[in-house]
Amino acid sequence: MEAAETGEADRLLAAAIYLMSCHARSGCPRIACMVERHLQLLGRHPEVGEHVRHTCRQLAAAWATTVH
């Protein structure tokens, strides 16, 4: 794993949780789109465990229905 990748998954996860909180307060569709994108990235990130990747892929699909 390259040094630049170290901690990237943690930052993506923290950002996704933050964005979910923002969306809960605002209902903004643009934020929902950002949540979906972060979950997609986490769903294929090599630094994330398989169970978390699988869950993120499922959640990304659920968020996609609210966006599209």
C-alpha atoms as a PDB file:
ATOM      1  CA  MET A   1       0.000   0.000   0.000  1.00  0.00           C
ATOM      2  CA  GLU A   2       1.341   3.416  -0.933  1.00  0.00           C
ATOM      3  CA  ALA A   3       1.786   6.094   1.710  1.00  0.00           C
ATOM      4  CA  ALA A   4      -0.747   8.328  -0.081  1.00  0.00           C
ATOM      5  CA  GLU A   5      -3.441   5.642   0.389  1.00  0.00           C
ATOM      6  CA  THR A   6      -2.834   5.254   4.122  1.00  0.00           C
ATOM      7  CA  GLY A   7      -5.851   6.524   5.987  1.00  0.00           C
ATOM      8  CA  GLU A   8      -7.780   7.363   2.836  1.00  0.00           C
ATOM      9  CA  ALA A   9     -10.546   4.896   3.682  1.00  0.00           C
ATOM     10  CA  ASP A  10     -10.890   6.410   7.153  1.00  0.00           C
ATOM     11  CA  ARG A  11     -11.209   9.890   5.657  1.00  0.00           C
ATOM     12  CA  LEU A  12     -13.799   8.692   3.125  1.00  0.00           C
ATOM     13  CA  LEU A  13     -15.822   7.000   5.841  1.00  0.00           C
ATOM     14  CA  ALA A  14     -15.680  10.039   8.125  1.00  0.00           C
ATOM     15  CA  ALA A  15     -16.734  12.275   5.226  1.00  0.00           C
ATOM     16  CA  ALA A  16     -19.615   9.955   4.305  1.00  0.00           C
ATOM     17  CA  ILE A  17     -20.909   9.991   7.881  1.00  0.00           C
ATOM     18  CA  TYR A  18     -20.587  13.777   8.025  1.00  0.00           C
ATOM     19  CA  LEU A  19     -22.436  14.152   4.724  1.00  0.00           C
ATOM     20  CA  MET A  20     -25.209  11.826   5.914  1.00  0.00           C
ATOM     21  CA  SER A  21     -25.635  14.045   8.956  1.00  0.00           C
ATOM     22  CA  CYS A  22     -25.754  17.156   6.761  1.00  0.00           C
ATOM     23  CA  HIS A  23     -28.323  15.520   4.501  1.00  0.00           C
ATOM     24  CA  ALA A  24     -30.493  14.573   7.487  1.00  0.00           C
ATOM     25  CA  ARG A  25     -30.615  18.247   8.465  1.00  0.00           C
ATOM     26  CA  SER A  26     -31.066  19.751   5.005  1.00  0.00           C
ATOM     27  CA  GLY A  27     -32.502  17.108   2.665  1.00  0.00           C
ATOM     28  CA  CYS A  28     -30.327  18.620  -0.072  1.00  0.00           C
ATOM     29  CA  PRO A  29     -30.207  16.360  -3.177  1.00  0.00           C
ATOM     30  CA  ARG A  30     -26.678  17.512  -3.985  1.00  0.00           C
ATOM     31  CA  ILE A  31     -25.471  16.234  -0.618  1.00  0.00           C
ATOM     32  CA  ALA A  32     -27.294  12.944  -1.227  1.00  0.00           C
ATOM     33  CA  CYS A  33     -25.363  12.609  -4.472  1.00  0.00           C
ATOM     34  CA  MET A  34     -22.107  13.182  -2.588  1.00  0.00           C
ATOM     35  CA  VAL A  35     -23.056  10.523  -0.017  1.00  0.00           C
ATOM     36  CA  GLU A  36     -23.733   8.051  -2.813  1.00  0.00           C
ATOM     37  CA  ARG A  37     -20.354   8.810  -4.408  1.00  0.00           C
ATOM     38  CA  HIS A  38     -18.445   8.387  -1.137  1.00  0.00           C
ATOM     39  CA  LEU A  39     -20.185   5.061  -0.507  1.00  0.00           C
ATOM     40  CA  GLN A  40     -19.331   3.904  -4.041  1.00  0.00           C
ATOM     41  CA  LEU A  41     -15.670   4.731  -3.439  1.00  0.00           C
ATOM     42  CA  LEU A  42     -15.686   2.909  -0.110  1.00  0.00           C
ATOM     43  CA  GLY A  43     -17.403  -0.053  -1.752  1.00  0.00           C
ATOM     44  CA  ARG A  44     -14.359  -0.731  -3.884  1.00  0.00           C
ATOM     45  CA  HIS A  45     -11.543   0.625  -1.734  1.00  0.00           C
ATOM     46  CA  PRO A  46      -8.784  -1.961  -1.098  1.00  0.00           C
ATOM     47  CA  GLU A  47      -8.146  -0.647   2.425  1.00  0.00           C
ATOM     48  CA  VAL A  48     -11.685  -1.507   3.574  1.00  0.00           C
ATOM     49  CA  GLY A  49     -12.767  -4.940   4.814  1.00  0.00           C
ATOM     50  CA  GLU A  50     -15.062  -7.046   2.646  1.00  0.00           C
ATOM     51  CA  HIS A  51     -18.087  -6.695   4.953  1.00  0.00           C
ATOM     52  CA  VAL A  52     -17.796  -2.906   4.953  1.00  0.00           C
ATOM     53  CA  ARG A  53     -17.280  -2.839   1.162  1.00  0.00           C
ATOM     54  CA  HIS A  54     -20.377  -4.975   0.667  1.00  0.00           C
ATOM     55  CA  THR A  55     -22.443  -2.799   3.005  1.00  0.00           C
ATOM     56  CA  CYS A  56     -21.238   0.376   1.298  1.00  0.00           C
ATOM     57  CA  ARG A  57     -22.168  -1.009  -2.121  1.00  0.00           C
ATOM     58  CA  GLN A  58     -25.667  -1.808  -0.862  1.00  0.00           C
ATOM     59  CA  LEU A  59     -26.033   1.599   0.755  1.00  0.00           C
ATOM     60  CA  ALA A  60     -24.767   3.358  -2.374  1.00  0.00           C
ATOM     61  CA  ALA A  61     -27.518   1.640  -4.346  1.00  0.00           C
ATOM     62  CA  ALA A  62     -30.114   2.741  -1.767  1.00  0.00           C
ATOM     63  CA  TRP A  63     -28.860   6.336  -1.847  1.00  0.00           C
ATOM     64  CA  ALA A  64     -28.939   6.238  -5.656  1.00  0.00           C
ATOM     65  CA  THR A  65     -32.710   5.785  -5.514  1.00  0.00           C
ATOM     66  CA  THR A  66     -33.027   9.022  -3.541  1.00  0.00           C
ATOM     67  CA  VAL A  67     -30.763  10.882  -5.970  1.00  0.00           C
ATOM     68  CA  HIS A  68     -31.957   9.671  -9.371  1.00  0.00           C
END
